[in-house]
Amino acid sequence: MAKEVVLEIAWLRPLKLIGLANLFCGLIAFILSMALKSWVVTDDEKEKEPQFYMSLWEQCTKYPSTRDGQGVTPSESDDSENEWICKEASIRGGYVSATQALIVISFIIALVCFVLGVVAYCKRDWRILYKISGIVLIVAVVFVLIAVIVFPVKFVDDVPFYVFFWFWWAYGFAWAALFFMLTAAILFLISHDKKEIYRTEKRIVV
């Protein structure tokens, strides 16, 4: 005699949790971008040319030795040789200050949205905070996009054409923060279902 078996199937669709994870990664990327000293670096292999690196907050230059082994007097010793000379990055122009402001503001926005997202995840009745956070994150994404586009364009116009340099890790982390925030914003805005755990029943005749 045939027997009917009822199976209960459950699956998880944690889109909001994935959004929070992306936003957390974006915050880490922001911190690295602001902390590392490698928004711009020169080619270290060219020892006869000035070495240069630039973070979001300062720029440092190290000039090569001008001594050729002939006619060097004690007064021409290594007082300034092989030392980094650092100045505030903002002296390069207003675009650097604008980049600093946009990155910091975007970081603060992302941090606030992360807190709101955690609150919404813990309190299901406050899920409207997801939508608010998603919309505000889109604004922050626009801010970062402006910063990472304007900065290299203006920087290239500001340096001699013969200088070889890279936009390095810290600049790349700013792009990473942008994409993490954009992903989080999309996940916060889509799927208005209140359920994240779904169940269904399947009947099997054995």
N, C-alpha and C. Protein backbone atom coordinates (compact mmCIF):
# COMPACT_ATOMS: atom_id res chain seq x y z
N MET A 1 0.85 -1.20 0.00
CA MET A 1 0.00 0.00 0.00
C MET A 1 0.88 1.25 0.00
N ALA A 2 0.58 2.17 -0.93
CA ALA A 2 1.38 3.39 -1.03
C ALA A 2 1.21 4.27 0.20
N LYS A 3 2.30 4.92 0.55
CA LYS A 3 2.30 5.78 1.74
C LYS A 3 2.77 7.17 1.35
N GLU A 4 2.04 8.17 1.81
CA GLU A 4 2.39 9.56 1.49
C GLU A 4 3.21 10.16 2.63
N VAL A 5 4.36 10.73 2.24
CA VAL A 5 5.25 11.36 3.21
C VAL A 5 5.30 12.86 2.93
N VAL A 6 5.13 13.64 3.97
CA VAL A 6 5.18 15.10 3.85
C VAL A 6 6.53 15.59 4.34
N LEU A 7 7.27 16.27 3.45
CA LEU A 7 8.57 16.83 3.82
C LEU A 7 8.45 18.34 3.95
N GLU A 8 8.98 18.87 5.01
CA GLU A 8 9.01 20.33 5.20
C GLU A 8 10.38 20.84 4.77
N ILE A 9 10.38 21.74 3.81
CA ILE A 9 11.62 22.30 3.27
C ILE A 9 11.73 23.75 3.69
N ALA A 10 12.87 24.11 4.22
CA ALA A 10 13.12 25.50 4.65
C ALA A 10 14.40 26.00 4.00
N TRP A 11 14.41 27.26 3.60
CA TRP A 11 15.64 27.84 3.07
C TRP A 11 15.75 29.29 3.53
N LEU A 12 16.96 29.75 3.55
CA LEU A 12 17.28 31.08 4.08
C LEU A 12 17.63 32.01 2.93
N ARG A 13 17.10 33.21 2.97
CA ARG A 13 17.45 34.23 1.98
C ARG A 13 17.88 35.49 2.74
N PRO A 14 19.11 35.48 3.24
CA PRO A 14 19.55 36.58 4.12
C PRO A 14 20.12 37.77 3.34
N LEU A 15 19.30 38.36 2.47
CA LEU A 15 19.82 39.46 1.65
C LEU A 15 20.27 40.64 2.49
N LYS A 16 19.51 40.95 3.52
CA LYS A 16 19.87 42.10 4.36
C LYS A 16 21.14 41.82 5.16
N LEU A 17 21.29 40.57 5.59
CA LEU A 17 22.51 40.21 6.31
C LEU A 17 23.72 40.29 5.39
N ILE A 18 23.55 39.86 4.15
CA ILE A 18 24.64 39.98 3.18
C ILE A 18 24.94 41.46 2.92
N GLY A 19 23.89 42.28 2.89
CA GLY A 19 24.10 43.72 2.72
C GLY A 19 24.90 44.31 3.87
N LEU A 20 24.59 43.89 5.09
CA LEU A 20 25.36 44.36 6.25
C LEU A 20 26.81 43.91 6.17
N ALA A 21 27.03 42.68 5.70
CA ALA A 21 28.39 42.17 5.57
C ALA A 21 29.16 43.00 4.54
N ASN A 22 28.50 43.33 3.42
CA ASN A 22 29.15 44.18 2.41
C ASN A 22 29.46 45.56 2.96
N LEU A 23 28.54 46.11 3.72
CA LEU A 23 28.76 47.44 4.28
C LEU A 23 29.90 47.42 5.29
N PHE A 24 30.00 46.33 6.06
CA PHE A 24 31.11 46.21 7.01
C PHE A 24 32.45 46.15 6.25
N CYS A 25 32.48 45.39 5.16
CA CYS A 25 33.70 45.34 4.34
C CYS A 25 34.01 46.71 3.76
N GLY A 26 32.96 47.46 3.41
CA GLY A 26 33.18 48.82 2.91
C GLY A 26 33.80 49.72 3.96
N LEU A 27 33.37 49.58 5.21
CA LEU A 27 33.96 50.37 6.29
C LEU A 27 35.44 50.03 6.47
N ILE A 28 35.77 48.74 6.39
CA ILE A 28 37.17 48.34 6.49
C ILE A 28 37.98 48.96 5.34
N ALA A 29 37.40 48.92 4.13
CA ALA A 29 38.09 49.50 2.98
C ALA A 29 38.29 51.00 3.16
N PHE A 30 37.30 51.69 3.72
CA PHE A 30 37.44 53.12 4.00
C PHE A 30 38.60 53.38 4.97
N ILE A 31 38.64 52.61 6.04
CA ILE A 31 39.70 52.81 7.05
C ILE A 31 41.08 52.60 6.43
N LEU A 32 41.21 51.55 5.62
CA LEU A 32 42.50 51.29 4.97
C LEU A 32 42.85 52.40 3.99
N SER A 33 41.86 52.89 3.27
CA SER A 33 42.11 53.96 2.30
C SER A 33 42.58 55.23 2.99
N MET A 34 42.00 55.53 4.15
CA MET A 34 42.39 56.74 4.87
C MET A 34 43.69 56.57 5.65
N ALA A 35 44.03 55.33 6.01
CA ALA A 35 45.19 55.10 6.86
C ALA A 35 46.47 54.84 6.07
N LEU A 36 46.36 54.17 4.93
CA LEU A 36 47.56 53.81 4.17
C LEU A 36 48.16 55.04 3.49
N LYS A 37 49.46 54.97 3.26
CA LYS A 37 50.18 56.10 2.66
C LYS A 37 50.48 55.85 1.18
N SER A 38 49.54 55.26 0.49
CA SER A 38 49.83 54.85 -0.89
C SER A 38 48.70 55.19 -1.85
N TRP A 39 48.17 56.40 -1.75
CA TRP A 39 47.24 56.82 -2.80
C TRP A 39 48.02 56.99 -4.11
N VAL A 40 49.20 57.59 -3.99
CA VAL A 40 50.07 57.74 -5.16
C VAL A 40 51.49 57.38 -4.74
N VAL A 41 52.19 56.59 -5.57
CA VAL A 41 53.60 56.28 -5.30
C VAL A 41 54.36 56.37 -6.61
N THR A 42 55.66 56.67 -6.50
CA THR A 42 56.52 56.68 -7.68
C THR A 42 57.21 55.33 -7.81
N ASP A 43 57.90 55.16 -8.92
CA ASP A 43 58.60 53.91 -9.19
C ASP A 43 59.86 53.85 -8.33
N ASP A 44 59.91 52.89 -7.38
CA ASP A 44 61.04 52.78 -6.46
C ASP A 44 62.32 52.34 -7.14
N GLU A 45 62.24 51.78 -8.33
CA GLU A 45 63.43 51.27 -8.99
C GLU A 45 64.27 52.37 -9.62
N LYS A 46 63.71 53.53 -9.79
CA LYS A 46 64.45 54.63 -10.39
C LYS A 46 65.14 55.44 -9.30
N GLU A 47 66.32 54.98 -8.93
CA GLU A 47 67.01 55.56 -7.77
C GLU A 47 67.54 56.96 -8.03
N LYS A 48 67.74 57.33 -9.29
CA LYS A 48 68.30 58.63 -9.60
C LYS A 48 67.23 59.71 -9.70
N GLU A 49 65.98 59.33 -9.49
CA GLU A 49 64.90 60.30 -9.54
C GLU A 49 64.29 60.46 -8.14
N PRO A 50 63.67 61.59 -7.88
CA PRO A 50 63.03 61.78 -6.57
C PRO A 50 61.97 60.71 -6.31
N GLN A 51 61.93 60.24 -5.06
CA GLN A 51 60.90 59.28 -4.66
C GLN A 51 59.75 60.04 -4.02
N PHE A 52 58.54 59.55 -4.24
CA PHE A 52 57.37 60.31 -3.80
C PHE A 52 56.26 59.34 -3.42
N TYR A 53 55.56 59.65 -2.33
CA TYR A 53 54.32 58.95 -2.04
C TYR A 53 53.34 59.95 -1.44
N MET A 54 52.10 59.64 -1.61
CA MET A 54 51.06 60.56 -1.15
C MET A 54 49.92 59.76 -0.55
N SER A 55 49.53 60.14 0.66
CA SER A 55 48.35 59.57 1.28
C SER A 55 47.22 60.58 1.15
N LEU A 56 46.12 60.29 1.79
CA LEU A 56 45.01 61.25 1.74
C LEU A 56 45.32 62.51 2.53
N TRP A 57 46.32 62.42 3.43
CA TRP A 57 46.57 63.52 4.36
C TRP A 57 47.92 64.19 4.17
N GLU A 58 48.91 63.49 3.63
CA GLU A 58 50.23 64.09 3.48
C GLU A 58 50.91 63.57 2.23
N GLN A 59 51.90 64.32 1.78
CA GLN A 59 52.72 63.90 0.65
C GLN A 59 54.18 64.00 1.08
N CYS A 60 54.97 63.02 0.72
CA CYS A 60 56.36 62.97 1.14
C CYS A 60 57.26 62.74 -0.07
N THR A 61 58.40 63.42 -0.06
CA THR A 61 59.36 63.33 -1.16
C THR A 61 60.74 63.04 -0.58
N LYS A 62 61.48 62.17 -1.26
CA LYS A 62 62.87 61.90 -0.90
C LYS A 62 63.72 62.11 -2.15
N TYR A 63 64.66 63.04 -2.03
CA TYR A 63 65.49 63.38 -3.19
C TYR A 63 66.72 62.50 -3.24
N PRO A 64 67.17 62.15 -4.42
CA PRO A 64 68.36 61.29 -4.53
C PRO A 64 69.63 62.03 -4.18
N SER A 65 70.68 61.29 -3.92
CA SER A 65 71.97 61.89 -3.62
C SER A 65 72.50 62.62 -4.84
N THR A 66 73.06 63.83 -4.60
CA THR A 66 73.64 64.60 -5.71
C THR A 66 75.14 64.41 -5.77
N ARG A 67 75.67 63.57 -4.88
CA ARG A 67 77.12 63.36 -4.85
C ARG A 67 77.52 62.36 -5.91
N ASP A 68 78.60 62.58 -6.57
CA ASP A 68 79.11 61.65 -7.57
C ASP A 68 80.45 61.05 -7.17
N GLY A 69 80.83 61.27 -5.93
CA GLY A 69 82.09 60.71 -5.43
C GLY A 69 83.28 61.61 -5.64
N GLN A 70 83.08 62.80 -6.22
CA GLN A 70 84.18 63.71 -6.47
C GLN A 70 83.88 65.07 -5.87
N GLY A 71 84.86 65.60 -5.20
CA GLY A 71 84.75 66.96 -4.69
C GLY A 71 83.70 67.13 -3.61
N VAL A 72 83.48 66.10 -2.81
CA VAL A 72 82.49 66.20 -1.75
C VAL A 72 83.15 66.73 -0.50
N THR A 73 82.61 67.78 0.07
CA THR A 73 83.13 68.37 1.29
C THR A 73 82.28 67.94 2.46
N PRO A 74 82.79 68.07 3.68
CA PRO A 74 82.00 67.69 4.86
C PRO A 74 80.65 68.40 4.93
N SER A 75 80.61 69.64 4.43
CA SER A 75 79.34 70.36 4.50
C SER A 75 78.28 69.75 3.59
N GLU A 76 78.73 68.89 2.67
CA GLU A 76 77.80 68.26 1.76
C GLU A 76 77.45 66.86 2.23
N SER A 77 77.49 66.67 3.52
CA SER A 77 77.21 65.35 4.09
C SER A 77 75.73 65.03 4.01
N ASP A 78 75.34 63.93 4.67
CA ASP A 78 74.01 63.34 4.48
C ASP A 78 72.95 63.93 5.41
N ASP A 79 73.02 65.22 5.72
CA ASP A 79 72.03 65.76 6.65
C ASP A 79 70.61 65.61 6.11
N SER A 80 70.44 65.90 4.83
CA SER A 80 69.10 65.81 4.25
C SER A 80 68.97 64.65 3.28
N GLU A 81 70.09 63.96 3.05
CA GLU A 81 70.07 62.87 2.09
C GLU A 81 69.31 61.68 2.67
N ASN A 82 68.53 61.03 1.82
CA ASN A 82 67.77 59.83 2.18
C ASN A 82 66.75 60.07 3.28
N GLU A 83 66.34 61.31 3.46
CA GLU A 83 65.29 61.61 4.41
C GLU A 83 64.04 62.05 3.66
N TRP A 84 62.88 61.63 4.18
CA TRP A 84 61.62 62.01 3.56
C TRP A 84 61.22 63.40 4.05
N ILE A 85 60.86 64.26 3.13
CA ILE A 85 60.35 65.59 3.44
C ILE A 85 58.85 65.56 3.23
N CYS A 86 58.10 65.73 4.30
CA CYS A 86 56.64 65.56 4.24
C CYS A 86 55.92 66.89 4.44
N LYS A 87 54.85 67.06 3.72
CA LYS A 87 53.99 68.23 3.83
C LYS A 87 52.53 67.77 3.77
N GLU A 88 51.65 68.68 4.13
CA GLU A 88 50.23 68.35 4.03
C GLU A 88 49.83 68.15 2.58
N ALA A 89 49.00 67.15 2.35
CA ALA A 89 48.58 66.85 0.97
C ALA A 89 47.74 67.97 0.39
N SER A 90 47.05 68.70 1.23
CA SER A 90 46.13 69.73 0.75
C SER A 90 46.84 70.90 0.05
N ILE A 91 48.16 71.00 0.21
CA ILE A 91 48.87 72.10 -0.45
C ILE A 91 48.89 71.92 -1.97
N ARG A 92 48.56 70.74 -2.44
CA ARG A 92 48.55 70.51 -3.89
C ARG A 92 47.38 71.21 -4.56
N GLY A 93 46.35 71.52 -3.79
CA GLY A 93 45.23 72.22 -4.39
C GLY A 93 43.92 71.89 -3.70
N GLY A 94 42.89 72.61 -4.08
CA GLY A 94 41.59 72.41 -3.47
C GLY A 94 40.98 71.05 -3.75
N TYR A 95 41.39 70.42 -4.85
CA TYR A 95 40.82 69.11 -5.17
C TYR A 95 41.18 68.06 -4.12
N VAL A 96 42.34 68.21 -3.48
CA VAL A 96 42.73 67.26 -2.43
C VAL A 96 41.85 67.46 -1.21
N SER A 97 41.62 68.70 -0.83
CA SER A 97 40.74 68.97 0.31
C SER A 97 39.32 68.47 0.04
N ALA A 98 38.87 68.63 -1.21
CA ALA A 98 37.55 68.14 -1.58
C ALA A 98 37.49 66.62 -1.48
N THR A 99 38.56 65.96 -1.94
CA THR A 99 38.62 64.50 -1.86
C THR A 99 38.60 64.04 -0.40
N GLN A 100 39.38 64.71 0.43
CA GLN A 100 39.39 64.37 1.86
C GLN A 100 37.98 64.49 2.46
N ALA A 101 37.32 65.60 2.16
CA ALA A 101 35.99 65.84 2.72
C ALA A 101 34.99 64.78 2.24
N LEU A 102 35.01 64.47 0.96
CA LEU A 102 34.07 63.51 0.40
C LEU A 102 34.28 62.11 0.97
N ILE A 103 35.54 61.72 1.13
CA ILE A 103 35.84 60.39 1.68
C ILE A 103 35.41 60.30 3.15
N VAL A 104 35.74 61.32 3.92
CA VAL A 104 35.39 61.30 5.35
C VAL A 104 33.87 61.33 5.53
N ILE A 105 33.18 62.18 4.78
CA ILE A 105 31.73 62.25 4.89
C ILE A 105 31.10 60.92 4.50
N SER A 106 31.60 60.32 3.44
CA SER A 106 31.07 59.03 3.00
C SER A 106 31.31 57.94 4.04
N PHE A 107 32.47 57.98 4.67
CA PHE A 107 32.76 57.01 5.74
C PHE A 107 31.78 57.16 6.90
N ILE A 108 31.52 58.39 7.30
CA ILE A 108 30.58 58.64 8.40
C ILE A 108 29.18 58.16 8.02
N ILE A 109 28.77 58.45 6.78
CA ILE A 109 27.46 58.00 6.31
C ILE A 109 27.38 56.48 6.34
N ALA A 110 28.43 55.82 5.85
CA ALA A 110 28.43 54.35 5.83
C ALA A 110 28.37 53.78 7.25
N LEU A 111 29.07 54.42 8.18
CA LEU A 111 29.06 53.95 9.56
C LEU A 111 27.66 54.09 10.17
N VAL A 112 27.03 55.23 9.95
CA VAL A 112 25.68 55.45 10.48
C VAL A 112 24.69 54.45 9.85
N CYS A 113 24.81 54.23 8.55
CA CYS A 113 23.92 53.29 7.87
C CYS A 113 24.14 51.86 8.36
N PHE A 114 25.37 51.53 8.69
CA PHE A 114 25.64 50.19 9.23
C PHE A 114 24.93 50.00 10.57
N VAL A 115 25.00 51.03 11.42
CA VAL A 115 24.31 50.96 12.71
C VAL A 115 22.80 50.84 12.51
N LEU A 116 22.25 51.64 11.59
CA LEU A 116 20.82 51.57 11.30
C LEU A 116 20.43 50.20 10.76
N GLY A 117 21.30 49.64 9.92
CA GLY A 117 21.03 48.32 9.38
C GLY A 117 21.02 47.23 10.44
N VAL A 118 21.94 47.33 11.38
CA VAL A 118 21.98 46.36 12.48
C VAL A 118 20.70 46.47 13.32
N VAL A 119 20.28 47.71 13.59
CA VAL A 119 19.05 47.92 14.36
C VAL A 119 17.86 47.33 13.63
N ALA A 120 17.78 47.57 12.31
CA ALA A 120 16.67 47.04 11.52
C ALA A 120 16.69 45.52 11.48
N TYR A 121 17.88 44.95 11.46
CA TYR A 121 17.97 43.49 11.42
C TYR A 121 17.53 42.87 12.75
N CYS A 122 17.82 43.56 13.84
CA CYS A 122 17.45 43.04 15.16
C CYS A 122 15.99 43.31 15.49
N LYS A 123 15.45 44.42 14.99
CA LYS A 123 14.06 44.79 15.28
C LYS A 123 13.29 44.80 13.96
N ARG A 124 12.56 43.74 13.69
CA ARG A 124 11.88 43.57 12.41
C ARG A 124 10.86 44.67 12.13
N ASP A 125 10.31 45.28 13.18
CA ASP A 125 9.32 46.32 12.98
C ASP A 125 9.93 47.61 12.44
N TRP A 126 11.24 47.72 12.48
CA TRP A 126 11.92 48.92 12.02
C TRP A 126 12.60 48.71 10.67
N ARG A 127 12.04 47.85 9.84
CA ARG A 127 12.68 47.54 8.57
C ARG A 127 12.69 48.72 7.60
N ILE A 128 11.93 49.74 7.88
CA ILE A 128 11.97 50.95 7.06
C ILE A 128 13.37 51.56 7.07
N LEU A 129 14.13 51.26 8.12
CA LEU A 129 15.51 51.79 8.20
C LEU A 129 16.38 51.24 7.08
N TYR A 130 16.06 50.05 6.56
CA TYR A 130 16.81 49.52 5.43
C TYR A 130 16.68 50.45 4.22
N LYS A 131 15.45 50.86 3.95
CA LYS A 131 15.21 51.72 2.79
C LYS A 131 15.90 53.07 2.97
N ILE A 132 15.79 53.62 4.18
CA ILE A 132 16.45 54.90 4.45
C ILE A 132 17.96 54.76 4.26
N SER A 133 18.53 53.70 4.82
CA SER A 133 19.97 53.48 4.70
C SER A 133 20.39 53.28 3.25
N GLY A 134 19.58 52.54 2.49
CA GLY A 134 19.91 52.31 1.08
C GLY A 134 19.95 53.59 0.28
N ILE A 135 18.96 54.48 0.51
CA ILE A 135 18.93 55.75 -0.23
C ILE A 135 20.12 56.62 0.15
N VAL A 136 20.42 56.70 1.45
CA VAL A 136 21.55 57.53 1.90
C VAL A 136 22.87 56.95 1.40
N LEU A 137 22.98 55.63 1.34
CA LEU A 137 24.20 55.01 0.83
C LEU A 137 24.43 55.34 -0.64
N ILE A 138 23.35 55.44 -1.41
CA ILE A 138 23.49 55.84 -2.81
C ILE A 138 24.13 57.22 -2.91
N VAL A 139 23.72 58.12 -2.02
CA VAL A 139 24.34 59.46 -1.99
C VAL A 139 25.82 59.36 -1.67
N ALA A 140 26.17 58.51 -0.69
CA ALA A 140 27.58 58.33 -0.33
C ALA A 140 28.36 57.74 -1.49
N VAL A 141 27.75 56.83 -2.22
CA VAL A 141 28.42 56.24 -3.39
C VAL A 141 28.74 57.32 -4.42
N VAL A 142 27.81 58.23 -4.63
CA VAL A 142 28.05 59.34 -5.56
C VAL A 142 29.21 60.20 -5.07
N PHE A 143 29.27 60.47 -3.77
CA PHE A 143 30.37 61.26 -3.21
C PHE A 143 31.72 60.59 -3.48
N VAL A 144 31.80 59.30 -3.20
CA VAL A 144 33.07 58.59 -3.40
C VAL A 144 33.42 58.53 -4.88
N LEU A 145 32.43 58.33 -5.73
CA LEU A 145 32.67 58.28 -7.17
C LEU A 145 33.27 59.59 -7.66
N ILE A 146 32.72 60.70 -7.18
CA ILE A 146 33.28 62.01 -7.54
C ILE A 146 34.73 62.11 -7.07
N ALA A 147 35.00 61.66 -5.84
CA ALA A 147 36.35 61.77 -5.28
C ALA A 147 37.36 60.95 -6.08
N VAL A 148 37.02 59.69 -6.39
CA VAL A 148 38.00 58.81 -7.06
C VAL A 148 38.16 59.15 -8.53
N ILE A 149 37.25 59.94 -9.10
CA ILE A 149 37.42 60.38 -10.49
C ILE A 149 38.16 61.71 -10.56
N VAL A 150 37.74 62.65 -9.71
CA VAL A 150 38.35 63.99 -9.74
C VAL A 150 39.81 63.93 -9.30
N PHE A 151 40.11 63.13 -8.26
CA PHE A 151 41.48 63.11 -7.72
C PHE A 151 42.52 62.75 -8.78
N PRO A 152 42.42 61.62 -9.48
CA PRO A 152 43.47 61.31 -10.45
C PRO A 152 43.53 62.28 -11.63
N VAL A 153 42.36 62.79 -12.05
CA VAL A 153 42.35 63.72 -13.17
C VAL A 153 43.11 64.99 -12.82
N LYS A 154 42.83 65.55 -11.66
CA LYS A 154 43.50 66.78 -11.24
C LYS A 154 44.96 66.53 -10.88
N PHE A 155 45.25 65.35 -10.30
CA PHE A 155 46.63 65.05 -9.93
C PHE A 155 47.51 64.95 -11.17
N VAL A 156 47.03 64.29 -12.20
CA VAL A 156 47.81 64.14 -13.43
C VAL A 156 48.09 65.50 -14.05
N ASP A 157 47.14 66.42 -13.98
CA ASP A 157 47.36 67.77 -14.51
C ASP A 157 48.38 68.54 -13.69
N ASP A 158 48.64 68.07 -12.47
CA ASP A 158 49.46 68.83 -11.52
C ASP A 158 50.92 68.39 -11.49
N VAL A 159 51.26 67.30 -12.18
CA VAL A 159 52.64 66.79 -12.11
C VAL A 159 53.28 66.85 -13.49
N PRO A 160 54.61 66.92 -13.55
CA PRO A 160 55.30 66.93 -14.85
C PRO A 160 55.04 65.65 -15.63
N PHE A 161 55.04 65.76 -16.94
CA PHE A 161 54.69 64.62 -17.78
C PHE A 161 55.71 63.49 -17.70
N TYR A 162 56.96 63.80 -17.29
CA TYR A 162 58.00 62.78 -17.27
C TYR A 162 58.02 61.97 -15.97
N VAL A 163 57.22 62.33 -15.00
CA VAL A 163 57.21 61.62 -13.73
C VAL A 163 56.35 60.35 -13.87
N PHE A 164 56.93 59.22 -13.46
CA PHE A 164 56.21 57.94 -13.54
C PHE A 164 55.70 57.58 -12.15
N PHE A 165 54.42 57.36 -12.04
CA PHE A 165 53.82 57.09 -10.73
C PHE A 165 52.65 56.12 -10.90
N TRP A 166 52.22 55.59 -9.74
CA TRP A 166 51.09 54.66 -9.69
C TRP A 166 50.04 55.21 -8.72
N PHE A 167 48.78 55.00 -9.07
CA PHE A 167 47.72 55.13 -8.07
C PHE A 167 47.62 53.76 -7.40
N TRP A 168 47.96 53.70 -6.12
CA TRP A 168 48.28 52.42 -5.50
C TRP A 168 47.16 51.94 -4.57
N TRP A 169 47.55 51.15 -3.55
CA TRP A 169 46.58 50.40 -2.75
C TRP A 169 45.52 51.27 -2.07
N ALA A 170 45.93 52.36 -1.46
CA ALA A 170 44.96 53.19 -0.73
C ALA A 170 43.89 53.73 -1.67
N TYR A 171 44.31 54.13 -2.86
CA TYR A 171 43.34 54.60 -3.86
C TYR A 171 42.42 53.46 -4.29
N GLY A 172 42.99 52.27 -4.44
CA GLY A 172 42.19 51.11 -4.81
C GLY A 172 41.16 50.75 -3.74
N PHE A 173 41.54 50.91 -2.48
CA PHE A 173 40.58 50.62 -1.40
C PHE A 173 39.41 51.61 -1.42
N ALA A 174 39.64 52.82 -1.89
CA ALA A 174 38.52 53.77 -2.03
C ALA A 174 37.51 53.24 -3.05
N TRP A 175 38.01 52.69 -4.16
CA TRP A 175 37.12 52.06 -5.14
C TRP A 175 36.41 50.86 -4.53
N ALA A 176 37.14 50.07 -3.75
CA ALA A 176 36.52 48.90 -3.11
C ALA A 176 35.40 49.33 -2.18
N ALA A 177 35.63 50.39 -1.41
CA ALA A 177 34.58 50.90 -0.52
C ALA A 177 33.35 51.32 -1.31
N LEU A 178 33.58 51.93 -2.46
CA LEU A 178 32.47 52.35 -3.31
C LEU A 178 31.61 51.16 -3.72
N PHE A 179 32.25 50.10 -4.22
CA PHE A 179 31.49 48.94 -4.70
C PHE A 179 30.81 48.18 -3.56
N PHE A 180 31.46 48.10 -2.42
CA PHE A 180 30.82 47.46 -1.27
C PHE A 180 29.58 48.23 -0.83
N MET A 181 29.69 49.56 -0.80
CA MET A 181 28.54 50.39 -0.42
C MET A 181 27.41 50.26 -1.43
N LEU A 182 27.77 50.24 -2.71
CA LEU A 182 26.74 50.13 -3.75
C LEU A 182 26.00 48.80 -3.63
N THR A 183 26.75 47.72 -3.40
CA THR A 183 26.11 46.41 -3.23
C THR A 183 25.18 46.41 -2.02
N ALA A 184 25.66 46.98 -0.91
CA ALA A 184 24.83 47.04 0.30
C ALA A 184 23.57 47.85 0.06
N ALA A 185 23.70 48.98 -0.65
CA ALA A 185 22.53 49.82 -0.91
C ALA A 185 21.50 49.06 -1.74
N ILE A 186 21.96 48.33 -2.76
CA ILE A 186 21.03 47.57 -3.60
C ILE A 186 20.32 46.50 -2.78
N LEU A 187 21.06 45.79 -1.95
CA LEU A 187 20.46 44.73 -1.14
C LEU A 187 19.50 45.29 -0.09
N PHE A 188 19.78 46.50 0.40
CA PHE A 188 18.88 47.13 1.35
C PHE A 188 17.56 47.57 0.69
N LEU A 189 17.65 47.96 -0.58
CA LEU A 189 16.49 48.52 -1.26
C LEU A 189 15.60 47.47 -1.91
N ILE A 190 16.17 46.32 -2.28
CA ILE A 190 15.35 45.29 -2.92
C ILE A 190 14.76 44.35 -1.89
N SER A 191 13.80 43.55 -2.35
CA SER A 191 13.18 42.51 -1.52
C SER A 191 12.56 43.10 -0.27
N HIS A 192 11.33 43.56 -0.42
CA HIS A 192 10.63 44.16 0.72
C HIS A 192 9.91 43.12 1.57
N ASP A 193 10.12 41.83 1.26
CA ASP A 193 9.53 40.78 2.09
C ASP A 193 10.01 40.89 3.52
N LYS A 194 9.13 40.65 4.46
CA LYS A 194 9.53 40.66 5.86
C LYS A 194 10.15 39.33 6.27
N LYS A 195 9.92 38.32 5.44
CA LYS A 195 10.45 37.00 5.78
C LYS A 195 11.83 36.82 5.15
N GLU A 196 12.71 36.20 5.90
CA GLU A 196 14.00 35.82 5.35
C GLU A 196 14.20 34.32 5.41
N ILE A 197 13.36 33.62 6.21
CA ILE A 197 13.36 32.17 6.24
C ILE A 197 12.05 31.71 5.61
N TYR A 198 12.16 30.92 4.56
CA TYR A 198 10.99 30.49 3.80
C TYR A 198 10.80 28.99 4.00
N ARG A 199 9.52 28.58 4.08
CA ARG A 199 9.19 27.16 4.29
C ARG A 199 8.11 26.75 3.30
N THR A 200 8.21 25.50 2.91
CA THR A 200 7.19 24.92 2.06
C THR A 200 7.10 23.43 2.36
N GLU A 201 6.05 22.82 1.87
CA GLU A 201 5.88 21.39 2.09
C GLU A 201 5.87 20.67 0.75
N LYS A 202 6.49 19.51 0.72
CA LYS A 202 6.51 18.69 -0.47
C LYS A 202 6.01 17.29 -0.11
N ARG A 203 5.03 16.80 -0.88
CA ARG A 203 4.44 15.49 -0.59
C ARG A 203 5.02 14.45 -1.55
N ILE A 204 5.48 13.36 -1.00
CA ILE A 204 6.09 12.27 -1.76
C ILE A 204 5.33 10.97 -1.45
N VAL A 205 4.99 10.27 -2.49
CA VAL A 205 4.33 8.98 -2.33
C VAL A 205 5.38 7.87 -2.43
N VAL A 206 5.51 7.07 -1.38
CA VAL A 206 6.49 5.98 -1.35
C VAL A 206 5.81 4.65 -1.23
